[in-house]
Amino acid sequence: MQVHEQRQDTIQDGRADFDFFFGTWKVHNRRLKARLKGSTDWEEFYGECTARPILGGLANFDESVFHRESGILHGATLRVFNPTSRQWSLYWVDDASHTLQIPMIGGFKDGRGEFYSQEPFEGRHIFCRFIWSNISPTTCRWEQAFSEDGGKTWETNWVMDNTRIR
């Protein structure tokens, strides 16, 4: 009985938050062509993503391939759970920037994940937000938004609608 109770504590502390994402996904992307410029011109493209647990479930890793108008983009996300703070740190890297990005920090509440960072954009620092929502066994949505006014207003600039392949 004690082992079962310990597993329940582990699941409820947040480290299982991204378990829904393990597997392979087809991804429909909508990405603003110009960010924080009032643009309404979207680029649409498809991709694939495969996610899996690592470090005994304390972290996970995904690899993505995006088929953009400008060419193929490869990217990866490392997500690491901190059991003390009960928060996730999300690290992105792609073959365009060649740099591990500043981590997004946050977690899930009531089936919705929110993650934030302050990062460089065109010579200044802005707020960035990721939202995970519409989570089901076969679909989920990821959104990225930027704020140049300290989080008072947000411009969503990238939306990924994921459909499970396996």
C-alpha atoms as a PDB file:
ATOM      1  CA  MET A   1       0.000   0.000   0.000  1.00  0.00           C
ATOM      2  CA  GLN A   2       2.799   2.428   0.824  1.00  0.00           C
ATOM      3  CA  VAL A   3       4.403   2.031  -2.635  1.00  0.00           C
ATOM      4  CA  HIS A   4       1.055   2.888  -4.299  1.00  0.00           C
ATOM      5  CA  GLU A   5       0.682   5.976  -2.090  1.00  0.00           C
ATOM      6  CA  GLN A   6       4.216   7.112  -2.973  1.00  0.00           C
ATOM      7  CA  ARG A   7       3.429   6.755  -6.707  1.00  0.00           C
ATOM      8  CA  GLN A   8       0.246   8.800  -6.270  1.00  0.00           C
ATOM      9  CA  ASP A   9       2.287  11.535  -4.569  1.00  0.00           C
ATOM     10  CA  THR A  10       4.744  11.476  -7.468  1.00  0.00           C
ATOM     11  CA  ILE A  11       1.963  11.787 -10.039  1.00  0.00           C
ATOM     12  CA  GLN A  12       0.268  14.610  -8.157  1.00  0.00           C
ATOM     13  CA  ASP A  13       3.407  16.678  -7.611  1.00  0.00           C
ATOM     14  CA  GLY A  14       3.460  17.718 -11.277  1.00  0.00           C
ATOM     15  CA  ARG A  15       6.173  15.514 -12.758  1.00  0.00           C
ATOM     16  CA  ALA A  16       3.562  13.661 -14.865  1.00  0.00           C
ATOM     17  CA  ASP A  17       2.155  16.889 -16.370  1.00  0.00           C
ATOM     18  CA  PHE A  18       3.655  16.252 -19.825  1.00  0.00           C
ATOM     19  CA  ASP A  19       2.909  12.513 -19.977  1.00  0.00           C
ATOM     20  CA  PHE A  20       0.042  13.328 -22.369  1.00  0.00           C
ATOM     21  CA  PHE A  21       2.631  14.438 -24.952  1.00  0.00           C
ATOM     22  CA  PHE A  22       4.666  11.210 -25.120  1.00  0.00           C
ATOM     23  CA  GLY A  23       4.414   9.742 -28.608  1.00  0.00           C
ATOM     24  CA  THR A  24       4.476  10.995 -32.176  1.00  0.00           C
ATOM     25  CA  TRP A  25       2.402  13.926 -33.442  1.00  0.00           C
ATOM     26  CA  LYS A  26       1.479  15.628 -36.696  1.00  0.00           C
ATOM     27  CA  VAL A  27       1.638  19.376 -36.120  1.00  0.00           C
ATOM     28  CA  HIS A  28      -0.269  22.106 -37.958  1.00  0.00           C
ATOM     29  CA  ASN A  29       1.543  25.416 -37.387  1.00  0.00           C
ATOM     30  CA  ARG A  30       0.380  29.019 -37.778  1.00  0.00           C
ATOM     31  CA  ARG A  31       3.172  31.540 -37.217  1.00  0.00           C
ATOM     32  CA  LEU A  32       3.046  35.309 -37.621  1.00  0.00           C
ATOM     33  CA  LYS A  33       5.456  36.418 -40.323  1.00  0.00           C
ATOM     34  CA  ALA A  34       6.299  39.634 -38.404  1.00  0.00           C
ATOM     35  CA  ARG A  35       6.176  39.744 -34.618  1.00  0.00           C
ATOM     36  CA  LEU A  36       5.242  42.767 -32.484  1.00  0.00           C
ATOM     37  CA  LYS A  37       4.604  44.855 -35.584  1.00  0.00           C
ATOM     38  CA  GLY A  38       0.803  44.621 -35.817  1.00  0.00           C
ATOM     39  CA  SER A  39       1.040  41.975 -38.549  1.00  0.00           C
ATOM     40  CA  THR A  40      -1.913  39.754 -39.428  1.00  0.00           C
ATOM     41  CA  ASP A  41      -0.006  37.802 -42.110  1.00  0.00           C
ATOM     42  CA  TRP A  42       0.390  34.170 -41.020  1.00  0.00           C
ATOM     43  CA  GLU A  43       2.646  31.438 -42.395  1.00  0.00           C
ATOM     44  CA  GLU A  44       1.045  27.982 -42.211  1.00  0.00           C
ATOM     45  CA  PHE A  45       3.084  24.794 -42.357  1.00  0.00           C
ATOM     46  CA  TYR A  46       3.183  21.231 -41.078  1.00  0.00           C
ATOM     47  CA  GLY A  47       5.623  19.317 -38.986  1.00  0.00           C
ATOM     48  CA  GLU A  48       6.158  16.212 -36.933  1.00  0.00           C
ATOM     49  CA  CYS A  49       7.140  15.869 -33.288  1.00  0.00           C
ATOM     50  CA  THR A  50       8.185  12.887 -31.166  1.00  0.00           C
ATOM     51  CA  ALA A  51       8.327  13.185 -27.355  1.00  0.00           C
ATOM     52  CA  ARG A  52       9.591  10.755 -24.740  1.00  0.00           C
ATOM     53  CA  PRO A  53      10.403  10.653 -21.022  1.00  0.00           C
ATOM     54  CA  ILE A  54      14.017  10.751 -19.805  1.00  0.00           C
ATOM     55  CA  LEU A  55      15.808  10.763 -16.438  1.00  0.00           C
ATOM     56  CA  GLY A  56      13.357   8.265 -14.945  1.00  0.00           C
ATOM     57  CA  GLY A  57      10.393  10.522 -15.726  1.00  0.00           C
ATOM     58  CA  LEU A  58      11.813  13.642 -14.073  1.00  0.00           C
ATOM     59  CA  ALA A  59      12.333  15.173 -17.531  1.00  0.00           C
ATOM     60  CA  ASN A  60      11.274  14.697 -21.123  1.00  0.00           C
ATOM     61  CA  PHE A  61      12.603  15.466 -24.557  1.00  0.00           C
ATOM     62  CA  ASP A  62      11.011  16.101 -27.921  1.00  0.00           C
ATOM     63  CA  GLU A  63      12.383  16.482 -31.419  1.00  0.00           C
ATOM     64  CA  SER A  64      10.505  18.373 -34.132  1.00  0.00           C
ATOM     65  CA  VAL A  65      10.821  18.829 -37.868  1.00  0.00           C
ATOM     66  CA  PHE A  66       8.998  21.808 -39.426  1.00  0.00           C
ATOM     67  CA  HIS A  67       8.392  22.087 -43.175  1.00  0.00           C
ATOM     68  CA  ARG A  68       8.400  25.885 -43.571  1.00  0.00           C
ATOM     69  CA  GLU A  69       8.293  27.987 -46.729  1.00  0.00           C
ATOM     70  CA  SER A  70      11.891  28.994 -46.014  1.00  0.00           C
ATOM     71  CA  GLY A  71      13.009  25.366 -45.669  1.00  0.00           C
ATOM     72  CA  ILE A  72      13.144  22.599 -43.110  1.00  0.00           C
ATOM     73  CA  LEU A  73      13.731  23.595 -39.470  1.00  0.00           C
ATOM     74  CA  HIS A  74      14.795  21.080 -36.814  1.00  0.00           C
ATOM     75  CA  GLY A  75      14.145  21.810 -33.155  1.00  0.00           C
ATOM     76  CA  ALA A  76      14.180  20.144 -29.760  1.00  0.00           C
ATOM     77  CA  THR A  77      12.761  20.835 -26.314  1.00  0.00           C
ATOM     78  CA  LEU A  78      14.168  19.624 -23.010  1.00  0.00           C
ATOM     79  CA  ARG A  79      11.682  19.880 -20.129  1.00  0.00           C
ATOM     80  CA  VAL A  80      12.951  19.357 -16.574  1.00  0.00           C
ATOM     81  CA  PHE A  81      10.731  19.128 -13.482  1.00  0.00           C
ATOM     82  CA  ASN A  82      11.911  20.530 -10.148  1.00  0.00           C
ATOM     83  CA  PRO A  83      10.193  18.536  -7.359  1.00  0.00           C
ATOM     84  CA  THR A  84      11.014  21.216  -4.767  1.00  0.00           C
ATOM     85  CA  SER A  85       9.408  24.161  -6.583  1.00  0.00           C
ATOM     86  CA  ARG A  86       6.960  21.901  -8.481  1.00  0.00           C
ATOM     87  CA  GLN A  87       7.752  23.866 -11.618  1.00  0.00           C
ATOM     88  CA  TRP A  88       8.996  22.969 -15.057  1.00  0.00           C
ATOM     89  CA  SER A  89      11.903  24.541 -16.936  1.00  0.00           C
ATOM     90  CA  LEU A  90      11.520  24.286 -20.738  1.00  0.00           C
ATOM     91  CA  TYR A  91      14.600  24.722 -22.928  1.00  0.00           C
ATOM     92  CA  TRP A  92      14.319  25.134 -26.734  1.00  0.00           C
ATOM     93  CA  VAL A  93      17.062  24.808 -29.345  1.00  0.00           C
ATOM     94  CA  ASP A  94      16.873  24.735 -33.140  1.00  0.00           C
ATOM     95  CA  ASP A  95      19.200  24.542 -36.092  1.00  0.00           C
ATOM     96  CA  ALA A  96      18.516  28.186 -37.019  1.00  0.00           C
ATOM     97  CA  SER A  97      19.707  29.789 -33.762  1.00  0.00           C
ATOM     98  CA  HIS A  98      22.212  27.091 -32.700  1.00  0.00           C
ATOM     99  CA  THR A  99      21.670  28.264 -29.112  1.00  0.00           C
ATOM    100  CA  LEU A 100      19.877  26.791 -26.116  1.00  0.00           C
ATOM    101  CA  GLN A 101      17.223  29.419 -25.357  1.00  0.00           C
ATOM    102  CA  ILE A 102      16.450  30.971 -21.962  1.00  0.00           C
ATOM    103  CA  PRO A 103      14.165  28.540 -20.095  1.00  0.00           C
ATOM    104  CA  MET A 104      10.436  29.062 -19.851  1.00  0.00           C
ATOM    105  CA  ILE A 105       9.331  28.459 -16.238  1.00  0.00           C
ATOM    106  CA  GLY A 106       5.863  27.392 -15.092  1.00  0.00           C
ATOM    107  CA  GLY A 107       3.412  24.575 -14.620  1.00  0.00           C
ATOM    108  CA  PHE A 108      -0.082  23.223 -15.081  1.00  0.00           C
ATOM    109  CA  LYS A 109      -3.299  24.097 -13.303  1.00  0.00           C
ATOM    110  CA  ASP A 110      -6.726  22.702 -14.182  1.00  0.00           C
ATOM    111  CA  GLY A 111      -5.441  21.110 -17.403  1.00  0.00           C
ATOM    112  CA  ARG A 112      -3.752  24.256 -18.736  1.00  0.00           C
ATOM    113  CA  GLY A 113      -0.005  24.846 -18.751  1.00  0.00           C
ATOM    114  CA  GLU A 114       1.475  28.357 -18.550  1.00  0.00           C
ATOM    115  CA  PHE A 115       5.178  29.091 -18.865  1.00  0.00           C
ATOM    116  CA  TYR A 116       6.986  32.443 -18.898  1.00  0.00           C
ATOM    117  CA  SER A 117      10.371  33.986 -19.595  1.00  0.00           C
ATOM    118  CA  GLN A 118      11.939  37.318 -20.312  1.00  0.00           C
ATOM    119  CA  GLU A 119      14.044  37.034 -23.436  1.00  0.00           C
ATOM    120  CA  PRO A 120      15.893  39.105 -25.998  1.00  0.00           C
ATOM    121  CA  PHE A 121      13.989  40.144 -29.125  1.00  0.00           C
ATOM    122  CA  GLU A 122      15.344  42.577 -31.699  1.00  0.00           C
ATOM    123  CA  GLY A 123      17.777  44.215 -29.277  1.00  0.00           C
ATOM    124  CA  ARG A 124      15.507  44.485 -26.221  1.00  0.00           C
ATOM    125  CA  HIS A 125      14.027  42.155 -23.610  1.00  0.00           C
ATOM    126  CA  ILE A 126      10.360  41.177 -23.825  1.00  0.00           C
ATOM    127  CA  PHE A 127       8.086  38.776 -21.970  1.00  0.00           C
ATOM    128  CA  CYS A 128       7.331  35.455 -23.640  1.00  0.00           C
ATOM    129  CA  ARG A 129       4.507  33.063 -22.725  1.00  0.00           C
ATOM    130  CA  PHE A 130       3.768  29.464 -23.715  1.00  0.00           C
ATOM    131  CA  ILE A 131       0.308  27.986 -23.163  1.00  0.00           C
ATOM    132  CA  TRP A 132      -0.560  24.286 -23.405  1.00  0.00           C
ATOM    133  CA  SER A 133      -4.330  23.704 -23.712  1.00  0.00           C
ATOM    134  CA  ASN A 134      -7.090  21.596 -25.310  1.00  0.00           C
ATOM    135  CA  ILE A 135      -5.367  18.463 -24.052  1.00  0.00           C
ATOM    136  CA  SER A 136      -7.018  15.152 -24.940  1.00  0.00           C
ATOM    137  CA  PRO A 137      -5.650  11.665 -25.670  1.00  0.00           C
ATOM    138  CA  THR A 138      -5.359  12.533 -29.383  1.00  0.00           C
ATOM    139  CA  THR A 139      -4.926  16.331 -29.575  1.00  0.00           C
ATOM    140  CA  CYS A 140      -3.341  19.285 -27.817  1.00  0.00           C
ATOM    141  CA  ARG A 141      -2.508  22.903 -28.551  1.00  0.00           C
ATOM    142  CA  TRP A 142       0.627  24.947 -27.876  1.00  0.00           C
ATOM    143  CA  GLU A 143       0.712  28.748 -28.249  1.00  0.00           C
ATOM    144  CA  GLN A 144       3.479  31.299 -27.974  1.00  0.00           C
ATOM    145  CA  ALA A 145       2.831  34.987 -27.273  1.00  0.00           C
ATOM    146  CA  PHE A 146       5.055  38.040 -26.786  1.00  0.00           C
ATOM    147  CA  SER A 147       4.462  41.112 -24.630  1.00  0.00           C
ATOM    148  CA  GLU A 148       6.444  44.330 -24.902  1.00  0.00           C
ATOM    149  CA  ASP A 149       4.542  46.069 -22.089  1.00  0.00           C
ATOM    150  CA  GLY A 150       5.420  43.824 -19.140  1.00  0.00           C
ATOM    151  CA  GLY A 151       2.577  41.352 -19.649  1.00  0.00           C
ATOM    152  CA  LYS A 152      -0.336  43.804 -19.824  1.00  0.00           C
ATOM    153  CA  THR A 153      -1.099  42.790 -23.422  1.00  0.00           C
ATOM    154  CA  TRP A 154      -0.022  39.746 -25.408  1.00  0.00           C
ATOM    155  CA  GLU A 155       0.373  39.072 -29.129  1.00  0.00           C
ATOM    156  CA  THR A 156      -0.007  35.390 -29.979  1.00  0.00           C
ATOM    157  CA  ASN A 157       2.528  34.714 -32.717  1.00  0.00           C
ATOM    158  CA  TRP A 158       2.718  30.941 -33.054  1.00  0.00           C
ATOM    159  CA  VAL A 159       0.055  28.253 -32.637  1.00  0.00           C
ATOM    160  CA  MET A 160       0.642  24.512 -32.970  1.00  0.00           C
ATOM    161  CA  ASP A 161      -2.330  22.157 -33.180  1.00  0.00           C
ATOM    162  CA  ASN A 162      -1.031  18.664 -32.510  1.00  0.00           C
ATOM    163  CA  THR A 163      -2.765  15.437 -33.606  1.00  0.00           C
ATOM    164  CA  ARG A 164      -1.441  12.127 -32.304  1.00  0.00           C
ATOM    165  CA  ILE A 165      -0.045   9.714 -34.894  1.00  0.00           C
ATOM    166  CA  ARG A 166       0.968   7.078 -32.304  1.00  0.00           C
END
